[in-house]
Amino acid sequence: MSGMLVNLIIQAIAGAIGGNAAGAAVKSITLGALANTIIGAIGGGVGGQILAALVPTLLGNAANFDIGAIVSQAVGGGAAGAIALAVIGAIKNAMAK
């Protein structure tokens, strides 16, 4: 499997977890379990790829199965997933008012 695909999978899974964690932590931005998971996974994948492009030495390549690279991909994806859910949740709340 190519390194980019492995990184994307790790980031998407971590993003889904981050999106659900953000939704559970801040009830005003939650969109439900399924939407939190989907938005988090998309945000984690996209945000993680952007972060990897901006800071390639920090994130490394998880395809080499270096634990540091895997953890950094997961943290980047999880944070991006949580941020994506927070932005979408805030937009939803602003439109509902």
C-alpha atoms as a PDB file:
ATOM      1  CA  MET A   1       0.000   0.000   0.000  1.00  0.00           C
ATOM      2  CA  SER A   2       1.379   3.413  -0.849  1.00  0.00           C
ATOM      3  CA  GLY A   3       2.533   5.712   1.922  1.00  0.00           C
ATOM      4  CA  MET A   4       0.058   8.424   1.006  1.00  0.00           C
ATOM      5  CA  LEU A   5      -2.881   6.019   1.241  1.00  0.00           C
ATOM      6  CA  VAL A   6      -1.737   4.714   4.632  1.00  0.00           C
ATOM      7  CA  ASN A   7      -1.380   8.290   5.889  1.00  0.00           C
ATOM      8  CA  LEU A   8      -4.840   9.196   4.575  1.00  0.00           C
ATOM      9  CA  ILE A   9      -6.453   6.188   6.273  1.00  0.00           C
ATOM     10  CA  ILE A  10      -4.786   6.987   9.598  1.00  0.00           C
ATOM     11  CA  GLN A  11      -5.794  10.642   9.332  1.00  0.00           C
ATOM     12  CA  ALA A  12      -9.407   9.833   8.411  1.00  0.00           C
ATOM     13  CA  ILE A  13      -9.829   7.381  11.289  1.00  0.00           C
ATOM     14  CA  ALA A  14      -8.256   9.817  13.729  1.00  0.00           C
ATOM     15  CA  GLY A  15     -10.420  12.606  12.291  1.00  0.00           C
ATOM     16  CA  ALA A  16     -13.564  10.563  12.893  1.00  0.00           C
ATOM     17  CA  ILE A  17     -12.484  10.013  16.488  1.00  0.00           C
ATOM     18  CA  GLY A  18     -11.619  13.706  16.855  1.00  0.00           C
ATOM     19  CA  GLY A  19     -14.966  14.766  15.409  1.00  0.00           C
ATOM     20  CA  ASN A  20     -16.876  12.543  17.817  1.00  0.00           C
ATOM     21  CA  ALA A  21     -14.762  13.728  20.748  1.00  0.00           C
ATOM     22  CA  ALA A  22     -15.394  17.368  19.846  1.00  0.00           C
ATOM     23  CA  GLY A  23     -19.120  16.705  19.497  1.00  0.00           C
ATOM     24  CA  ALA A  24     -19.212  14.989  22.883  1.00  0.00           C
ATOM     25  CA  ALA A  25     -17.194  17.740  24.558  1.00  0.00           C
ATOM     26  CA  VAL A  26     -19.158  20.684  23.150  1.00  0.00           C
ATOM     27  CA  LYS A  27     -22.840  19.809  22.916  1.00  0.00           C
ATOM     28  CA  SER A  28     -23.709  23.015  21.031  1.00  0.00           C
ATOM     29  CA  ILE A  29     -21.726  21.931  17.942  1.00  0.00           C
ATOM     30  CA  THR A  30     -22.684  18.265  17.795  1.00  0.00           C
ATOM     31  CA  LEU A  31     -24.538  17.141  14.681  1.00  0.00           C
ATOM     32  CA  GLY A  32     -25.260  13.584  15.775  1.00  0.00           C
ATOM     33  CA  ALA A  33     -22.976  10.560  15.862  1.00  0.00           C
ATOM     34  CA  LEU A  34     -23.063   9.764  12.145  1.00  0.00           C
ATOM     35  CA  ALA A  35     -22.544  13.350  10.986  1.00  0.00           C
ATOM     36  CA  ASN A  36     -19.797  13.887  13.575  1.00  0.00           C
ATOM     37  CA  THR A  37     -18.023  10.788  12.252  1.00  0.00           C
ATOM     38  CA  ILE A  38     -18.357  11.728   8.585  1.00  0.00           C
ATOM     39  CA  ILE A  39     -17.349  15.371   9.025  1.00  0.00           C
ATOM     40  CA  GLY A  40     -14.497  14.379  11.320  1.00  0.00           C
ATOM     41  CA  ALA A  41     -13.199  11.778   8.845  1.00  0.00           C
ATOM     42  CA  ILE A  42     -13.343  14.203   5.925  1.00  0.00           C
ATOM     43  CA  GLY A  43     -11.779  16.980   7.984  1.00  0.00           C
ATOM     44  CA  GLY A  44      -9.101  14.651   9.307  1.00  0.00           C
ATOM     45  CA  GLY A  45      -8.193  13.390   5.846  1.00  0.00           C
ATOM     46  CA  VAL A  46      -8.127  16.785   4.166  1.00  0.00           C
ATOM     47  CA  GLY A  47      -6.636  18.681   7.094  1.00  0.00           C
ATOM     48  CA  GLY A  48      -4.051  15.999   7.734  1.00  0.00           C
ATOM     49  CA  GLN A  49      -2.933  16.079   4.112  1.00  0.00           C
ATOM     50  CA  ILE A  50      -2.653  19.870   4.196  1.00  0.00           C
ATOM     51  CA  LEU A  51      -0.697  19.688   7.445  1.00  0.00           C
ATOM     52  CA  ALA A  52       1.594  16.995   6.004  1.00  0.00           C
ATOM     53  CA  ALA A  53       2.268  19.189   2.978  1.00  0.00           C
ATOM     54  CA  LEU A  54       3.050  22.217   5.135  1.00  0.00           C
ATOM     55  CA  VAL A  55       5.198  20.411   7.715  1.00  0.00           C
ATOM     56  CA  PRO A  56       6.549  17.257   6.018  1.00  0.00           C
ATOM     57  CA  THR A  57       9.431  16.682   8.439  1.00  0.00           C
ATOM     58  CA  LEU A  58       7.146  16.844  11.468  1.00  0.00           C
ATOM     59  CA  LEU A  59       4.609  14.298  10.250  1.00  0.00           C
ATOM     60  CA  GLY A  60       6.887  11.878   8.431  1.00  0.00           C
ATOM     61  CA  ASN A  61       5.594   8.879   6.495  1.00  0.00           C
ATOM     62  CA  ALA A  62       3.454   6.381   8.393  1.00  0.00           C
ATOM     63  CA  ALA A  63       3.939   3.761   5.652  1.00  0.00           C
ATOM     64  CA  ASN A  64       7.365   3.012   7.137  1.00  0.00           C
ATOM     65  CA  PHE A  65       5.576   1.960  10.351  1.00  0.00           C
ATOM     66  CA  ASP A  66       7.605   4.374  12.421  1.00  0.00           C
ATOM     67  CA  ILE A  67       5.594   4.868  15.616  1.00  0.00           C
ATOM     68  CA  GLY A  68       6.423   8.570  15.733  1.00  0.00           C
ATOM     69  CA  ALA A  69       5.099   9.096  12.208  1.00  0.00           C
ATOM     70  CA  ILE A  70       1.935   7.131  12.927  1.00  0.00           C
ATOM     71  CA  VAL A  71       1.247   9.074  16.132  1.00  0.00           C
ATOM     72  CA  SER A  72       1.887  12.415  14.439  1.00  0.00           C
ATOM     73  CA  GLN A  73      -0.459  11.487  11.558  1.00  0.00           C
ATOM     74  CA  ALA A  74      -3.129  10.481  14.084  1.00  0.00           C
ATOM     75  CA  VAL A  75      -2.756  13.665  16.128  1.00  0.00           C
ATOM     76  CA  GLY A  76      -2.858  15.857  13.008  1.00  0.00           C
ATOM     77  CA  GLY A  77      -5.904  14.058  11.639  1.00  0.00           C
ATOM     78  CA  GLY A  78      -7.707  14.076  14.981  1.00  0.00           C
ATOM     79  CA  ALA A  79      -7.152  17.780  15.486  1.00  0.00           C
ATOM     80  CA  ALA A  80      -8.236  18.558  11.927  1.00  0.00           C
ATOM     81  CA  GLY A  81     -11.380  16.449  12.372  1.00  0.00           C
ATOM     82  CA  ALA A  82     -12.286  18.241  15.593  1.00  0.00           C
ATOM     83  CA  ILE A  83     -11.685  21.636  13.985  1.00  0.00           C
ATOM     84  CA  ALA A  84     -13.792  20.703  10.954  1.00  0.00           C
ATOM     85  CA  LEU A  85     -16.698  19.668  13.187  1.00  0.00           C
ATOM     86  CA  ALA A  86     -16.386  22.859  15.235  1.00  0.00           C
ATOM     87  CA  VAL A  87     -16.513  25.009  12.086  1.00  0.00           C
ATOM     88  CA  ILE A  88     -19.452  23.130  10.549  1.00  0.00           C
ATOM     89  CA  GLY A  89     -21.308  23.081  13.891  1.00  0.00           C
ATOM     90  CA  ALA A  90     -20.785  26.823  14.350  1.00  0.00           C
ATOM     91  CA  ILE A  91     -22.038  27.509  10.821  1.00  0.00           C
ATOM     92  CA  LYS A  92     -25.105  25.320  11.434  1.00  0.00           C
ATOM     93  CA  ASN A  93     -25.865  27.140  14.670  1.00  0.00           C
ATOM     94  CA  ALA A  94     -25.434  30.560  13.028  1.00  0.00           C
ATOM     95  CA  MET A  95     -27.779  29.609  10.190  1.00  0.00           C
ATOM     96  CA  ALA A  96     -30.395  28.272  12.619  1.00  0.00           C
ATOM     97  CA  LYS A  97     -30.680  31.632  14.399  1.00  0.00           C
END
